[in-house]
Amino acid sequence: MLVPEPIPIEEGAEDAEFIYMCQLRDVVQVARSLSLTSRDGEIQNFDKAGNFNAVWSVFTSNGTANTEDAIPHTLGRVPIGAIATTPDKAAILYRGTTTWTKDIVYFKTSVATVAWKVMLF
């Protein structure tokens, strides 16, 4: 389901609240249909990210903080972004200096040996 373009609401329109509520309903319906996993339970490496054009990469950063890790993925194209979730300890994940490819992304982590789940899209 796609969200239609919002209808501009004229200032002082009698039906402004109705139009606003219809637009809000459409947004909520789309949000309810989003799925971040393709199965029930634990996210696995290379899982498709539900109904997104995205995949999950599950990995542990190397034993030296702020060192680049090469992470394979199965997206089939160069990702345009990533969302990191559920690290097993306090850390920051950030993009490495090597250019991403259709098969590998590069990240650095501020702390050694952190388990990550990253959605690539």
Protein backbone atom coordinates (compact mmCIF):
# COMPACT_ATOMS: atom_id res chain seq x y z
CA MET A 1 0.00 0.00 0.00
CA LEU A 2 1.36 3.40 -0.92
CA VAL A 3 0.61 6.57 0.97
CA PRO A 4 -1.11 9.09 -1.31
CA GLU A 5 0.19 12.60 -1.57
CA PRO A 6 -1.26 14.78 1.19
CA ILE A 7 -4.05 17.12 0.24
CA PRO A 8 -3.20 20.71 1.12
CA ILE A 9 -5.65 21.97 3.72
CA GLU A 10 -6.87 25.50 3.16
CA GLU A 11 -6.59 27.72 6.20
CA GLY A 12 -10.02 28.10 7.78
CA ALA A 13 -11.58 25.25 5.75
CA GLU A 14 -14.70 23.83 7.38
CA ASP A 15 -13.62 20.23 6.71
CA ALA A 16 -9.96 20.72 7.71
CA GLU A 17 -10.22 18.37 10.68
CA PHE A 18 -11.86 15.68 8.54
CA ILE A 19 -9.14 15.93 5.86
CA TYR A 20 -6.43 15.84 8.50
CA MET A 21 -7.95 12.74 10.14
CA CYS A 22 -8.20 10.96 6.77
CA GLN A 23 -4.54 11.68 6.07
CA LEU A 24 -3.54 10.50 9.54
CA ARG A 25 -5.57 7.29 9.05
CA ASP A 26 -3.70 6.58 5.79
CA VAL A 27 -0.32 7.01 7.49
CA VAL A 28 -1.30 4.71 10.36
CA GLN A 29 -2.57 2.03 7.94
CA VAL A 30 0.74 2.05 6.06
CA ALA A 31 2.73 1.94 9.31
CA ARG A 32 0.74 -1.11 10.45
CA SER A 33 1.63 -2.96 7.26
CA LEU A 34 5.39 -2.52 7.65
CA SER A 35 7.35 -5.64 8.47
CA LEU A 36 11.02 -5.62 9.46
CA THR A 37 11.48 -9.39 9.49
CA SER A 38 10.48 -12.16 7.15
CA ARG A 39 9.91 -14.70 9.92
CA ASP A 40 8.79 -14.90 13.50
CA GLY A 41 11.63 -15.01 15.98
CA GLU A 42 15.30 -14.11 15.87
CA ILE A 43 16.77 -12.17 12.95
CA GLN A 44 19.29 -14.28 11.02
CA ASN A 45 22.17 -13.17 8.80
CA PHE A 46 21.07 -12.44 5.21
CA ASP A 47 17.35 -12.47 6.14
CA LYS A 48 15.19 -10.31 3.91
CA ALA A 49 13.91 -7.38 5.94
CA GLY A 50 10.20 -8.13 5.74
CA ASN A 51 8.43 -6.16 3.03
CA PHE A 52 11.28 -3.65 2.64
CA ASN A 53 13.82 -3.76 -0.19
CA ALA A 54 16.43 -4.53 2.46
CA VAL A 55 18.40 -7.36 4.11
CA TRP A 56 19.79 -7.99 7.58
CA SER A 57 23.51 -8.44 8.26
CA VAL A 58 24.35 -10.04 11.59
CA PHE A 59 28.00 -9.84 12.60
CA THR A 60 30.47 -9.23 15.41
CA SER A 61 33.02 -6.44 14.98
CA ASN A 62 36.67 -7.39 15.18
CA GLY A 63 38.82 -7.39 18.32
CA THR A 64 40.29 -3.91 17.75
CA ALA A 65 38.08 -0.87 18.20
CA ASN A 66 37.77 1.60 15.29
CA THR A 67 39.12 -0.91 12.78
CA GLU A 68 37.26 -1.51 9.54
CA ASP A 69 35.23 -4.71 9.12
CA ALA A 70 34.18 -6.04 5.70
CA ILE A 71 30.61 -7.32 6.01
CA PRO A 72 29.12 -9.43 3.19
CA HIS A 73 25.47 -8.92 2.27
CA THR A 74 22.92 -10.34 -0.17
CA LEU A 75 21.09 -7.17 -1.20
CA GLY A 76 22.28 -7.54 -4.81
CA ARG A 77 23.04 -3.84 -5.19
CA VAL A 78 25.07 -1.17 -3.41
CA PRO A 79 23.13 -0.22 -0.26
CA ILE A 80 22.17 3.42 0.15
CA GLY A 81 21.94 3.25 3.93
CA ALA A 82 21.87 1.16 7.07
CA ILE A 83 20.00 1.01 10.35
CA ALA A 84 21.91 -0.55 13.23
CA THR A 85 19.90 -2.23 15.98
CA THR A 86 20.40 -4.24 19.16
CA PRO A 87 24.17 -4.18 19.83
CA ASP A 88 25.17 -6.41 22.72
CA LYS A 89 27.10 -3.58 24.42
CA ALA A 90 27.29 0.20 24.32
CA ALA A 91 29.04 1.15 21.08
CA ILE A 92 28.79 3.29 17.98
CA LEU A 93 28.69 1.74 14.51
CA TYR A 94 29.86 3.99 11.70
CA ARG A 95 30.71 3.71 8.02
CA GLY A 96 34.23 2.70 7.11
CA THR A 97 36.37 4.47 4.54
CA THR A 98 36.22 1.76 1.85
CA THR A 99 33.53 2.16 -0.81
CA TRP A 100 30.53 -0.15 -0.42
CA THR A 101 29.86 -2.66 -3.19
CA LYS A 102 26.91 -4.85 -4.24
CA ASP A 103 28.39 -7.64 -2.09
CA ILE A 104 30.23 -6.00 0.83
CA VAL A 105 29.78 -3.04 3.18
CA TYR A 106 32.43 -1.64 5.49
CA PHE A 107 31.82 -0.53 9.06
CA LYS A 108 33.87 0.49 12.06
CA THR A 109 32.81 0.10 15.69
CA SER A 110 33.92 2.30 18.59
CA VAL A 111 34.30 -0.75 20.89
CA ALA A 112 35.92 -4.13 20.20
CA THR A 113 33.86 -7.30 19.57
CA VAL A 114 30.32 -5.93 19.46
CA ALA A 115 27.52 -8.13 18.09
CA TRP A 116 25.42 -6.13 15.60
CA LYS A 117 22.20 -6.55 13.65
CA VAL A 118 22.17 -4.07 10.77
CA MET A 119 19.43 -3.59 8.19
CA LEU A 120 20.92 -2.59 4.82
CA PHE A 121 18.62 -0.86 2.35
